[in-house]
């Protein structure tokens, strides 16, 4: 075989392998992209004395409520507990959590006490697109301590305000 044929053969092989690699990467990226219909609810930060039990319970209840309100689904809190890595910036950790679980949406919330009000707390919740980091929804409201249904009210607000992707 002449060196010209070797060069043509090797060049053809490189082109074929490059094309196969590109096709493989595109297929991998499509199968592993974030699901825009799936939300990861991070544990809430609680800054109210005596309400530490709300940290996980509120996230679990919000997850259950989101699952019951179609079409948005939520990552199981068992999976969240396995993959949660809190940071100094928990809102960024929530986005990383969503990315690690394949969720397209990250939800982070916090509960603060209100000055001179022991009967209510301040609830803040953000919904972030895990792919772009764009803030999609921000909720900031006062909630009476003795009143139940907080997780349902938050899930309804998220469900009503989330712009669902088109197929």
Protein backbone atom coordinates (compact mmCIF):
# COMPACT_ATOMS: atom_id res chain seq x y z
CA UNK A 1 0.00 0.00 0.00
CA UNK A 2 1.22 3.44 -0.81
CA UNK A 3 1.55 6.19 1.72
CA UNK A 4 -1.21 8.10 -0.08
CA UNK A 5 -3.68 5.26 0.52
CA UNK A 6 -2.61 5.04 4.18
CA UNK A 7 -3.23 8.77 4.57
CA UNK A 8 -6.68 8.53 2.96
CA UNK A 9 -7.54 5.49 5.10
CA UNK A 10 -6.43 7.12 8.37
CA UNK A 11 -8.20 10.37 7.50
CA UNK A 12 -11.40 8.46 6.78
CA UNK A 13 -11.07 6.59 10.08
CA UNK A 14 -10.62 9.85 12.00
CA UNK A 15 -13.67 11.39 10.30
CA UNK A 16 -15.81 8.31 11.06
CA UNK A 17 -14.69 8.19 14.71
CA UNK A 18 -15.30 11.94 15.14
CA UNK A 19 -18.78 11.61 13.70
CA UNK A 20 -19.56 8.58 15.90
CA UNK A 21 -18.31 10.45 18.97
CA UNK A 22 -20.51 13.46 18.17
CA UNK A 23 -23.59 11.28 17.71
CA UNK A 24 -22.85 9.45 20.95
CA UNK A 25 -22.45 12.73 22.86
CA UNK A 26 -25.71 14.16 21.50
CA UNK A 27 -27.61 11.00 22.49
CA UNK A 28 -26.02 11.05 25.97
CA UNK A 29 -26.88 14.73 26.45
CA UNK A 30 -30.49 14.16 25.42
CA UNK A 31 -30.93 11.23 27.82
CA UNK A 32 -29.31 13.03 30.77
CA UNK A 33 -30.73 16.53 30.44
CA UNK A 34 -32.63 18.02 33.37
CA UNK A 35 -36.34 17.25 33.50
CA UNK A 36 -38.22 20.59 33.50
CA UNK A 37 -41.25 18.82 35.03
CA UNK A 38 -39.26 17.61 38.06
CA UNK A 39 -38.53 19.75 41.14
CA UNK A 40 -35.99 19.15 43.91
CA UNK A 41 -37.12 20.62 47.25
CA UNK A 42 -34.14 21.38 49.50
CA UNK A 43 -34.47 21.30 53.30
CA UNK A 44 -35.75 24.62 54.59
CA UNK A 45 -33.54 26.92 56.65
CA UNK A 46 -35.25 27.73 59.93
CA UNK A 47 -34.27 30.84 61.87
CA UNK A 48 -37.02 30.64 64.50
CA UNK A 49 -36.22 29.15 67.92
CA UNK A 50 -38.25 26.03 68.61
CA UNK A 51 -39.18 25.33 64.98
CA UNK A 52 -36.18 23.21 63.92
CA UNK A 53 -38.52 20.28 63.36
CA UNK A 54 -40.00 22.26 60.45
CA UNK A 55 -36.67 22.03 58.53
CA UNK A 56 -37.27 18.58 57.05
CA UNK A 57 -41.00 18.24 57.70
CA UNK A 58 -41.86 21.32 55.62
CA UNK A 59 -39.73 20.05 52.72
CA UNK A 60 -41.36 16.60 52.96
CA UNK A 61 -44.86 18.08 53.00
CA UNK A 62 -44.10 20.44 50.11
CA UNK A 63 -42.69 17.52 48.11
CA UNK A 64 -45.84 15.47 48.76
CA UNK A 65 -48.09 18.40 47.80
CA UNK A 66 -46.18 19.07 44.56
CA UNK A 67 -46.42 15.39 43.66
CA UNK A 68 -50.18 15.50 44.15
CA UNK A 69 -50.57 18.61 41.93
CA UNK A 70 -49.93 17.48 38.40
CA UNK A 71 -48.08 18.06 36.12
CA UNK A 72 -45.04 19.01 38.25
CA UNK A 73 -43.37 16.12 40.11
CA UNK A 74 -40.87 16.27 42.96
CA UNK A 75 -37.73 14.33 43.77
CA UNK A 76 -38.26 12.00 46.73
CA UNK A 77 -37.01 13.39 50.05
CA UNK A 78 -35.09 10.12 50.55
CA UNK A 79 -33.05 11.00 47.45
CA UNK A 80 -32.71 14.60 48.65
CA UNK A 81 -31.32 13.43 52.01
CA UNK A 82 -28.74 11.26 50.22
CA UNK A 83 -27.56 14.00 47.88
CA UNK A 84 -28.00 17.18 49.93
CA UNK A 85 -24.73 19.02 50.56
CA UNK A 86 -25.49 22.22 52.42
CA UNK A 87 -23.15 25.12 51.80
CA UNK A 88 -22.69 28.61 53.15
CA UNK A 89 -25.09 29.64 50.35
CA UNK A 90 -27.94 27.10 50.61
CA UNK A 91 -29.79 28.56 47.63
CA UNK A 92 -26.81 27.59 45.46
CA UNK A 93 -26.70 24.18 47.13
CA UNK A 94 -30.37 23.74 46.17
CA UNK A 95 -29.53 24.37 42.50
CA UNK A 96 -26.67 21.85 42.71
CA UNK A 97 -29.05 19.38 44.36
CA UNK A 98 -31.46 19.74 41.43
CA UNK A 99 -28.66 19.18 38.94
CA UNK A 100 -27.42 16.07 40.78
CA UNK A 101 -30.93 14.59 40.83
CA UNK A 102 -31.80 15.42 37.21
CA UNK A 103 -34.46 17.94 38.25
CA UNK A 104 -34.95 21.01 36.11
CA UNK A 105 -36.29 23.07 39.01
CA UNK A 106 -34.74 23.80 42.41
CA UNK A 107 -36.87 24.96 45.36
CA UNK A 108 -35.29 26.55 48.42
CA UNK A 109 -37.10 28.07 51.37
CA UNK A 110 -36.43 29.69 54.71
CA UNK A 111 -38.49 30.56 57.76
CA UNK A 112 -37.64 33.67 59.81
CA UNK A 113 -39.15 35.11 62.93
CA UNK A 114 -40.93 38.45 62.69
CA UNK A 115 -39.87 41.31 64.92
CA UNK A 116 -42.39 41.91 67.72
CA UNK A 117 -44.65 39.10 66.40
CA UNK A 118 -44.52 35.75 68.16
CA UNK A 119 -47.72 34.50 66.52
CA UNK A 120 -46.40 34.55 62.92
CA UNK A 121 -43.35 33.72 60.86
CA UNK A 122 -41.96 35.00 57.58
CA UNK A 123 -41.79 32.42 54.80
CA UNK A 124 -39.52 32.97 51.83
CA UNK A 125 -39.36 30.51 48.95
CA UNK A 126 -37.56 30.68 45.63
CA UNK A 127 -37.93 28.50 42.57
CA UNK A 128 -34.87 28.45 40.31
CA UNK A 129 -34.28 26.95 36.86
CA UNK A 130 -31.47 24.47 37.57
CA UNK A 131 -30.11 24.70 34.03
CA UNK A 132 -29.76 28.46 33.76
CA UNK A 133 -29.84 29.57 37.41
CA UNK A 134 -32.66 31.98 36.54
CA UNK A 135 -35.08 32.89 39.31
CA UNK A 136 -38.53 31.72 38.24
CA UNK A 137 -40.68 32.40 41.30
CA UNK A 138 -40.12 34.27 44.56
CA UNK A 139 -42.59 34.03 47.44
CA UNK A 140 -42.32 36.18 50.57
CA UNK A 141 -45.24 36.13 52.98
CA UNK A 142 -46.25 36.13 56.62
CA UNK A 143 -47.79 32.94 57.97
CA UNK A 144 -49.63 32.52 61.31
CA UNK A 145 -47.86 29.91 63.48
CA UNK A 146 -51.00 28.06 64.55
CA UNK A 147 -52.45 27.81 61.06
CA UNK A 148 -51.82 24.58 59.16
CA UNK A 149 -51.65 24.04 55.42
CA UNK A 150 -48.44 25.96 54.75
CA UNK A 151 -46.98 23.32 52.44
CA UNK A 152 -50.22 23.13 50.45
CA UNK A 153 -50.40 26.92 50.10
CA UNK A 154 -46.77 27.06 48.89
CA UNK A 155 -47.31 24.17 46.46
CA UNK A 156 -50.38 25.90 45.03
CA UNK A 157 -48.43 29.13 44.51
CA UNK A 158 -45.62 27.26 42.79
CA UNK A 159 -48.03 25.27 40.62
CA UNK A 160 -49.99 28.39 39.62
CA UNK A 161 -46.93 30.53 38.85
CA UNK A 162 -44.57 28.03 37.24
CA UNK A 163 -44.38 28.42 33.47
CA UNK A 164 -44.57 24.85 32.29
CA UNK A 165 -42.45 24.01 29.26
CA UNK A 166 -44.17 23.24 26.01
CA UNK A 167 -43.71 19.82 24.51
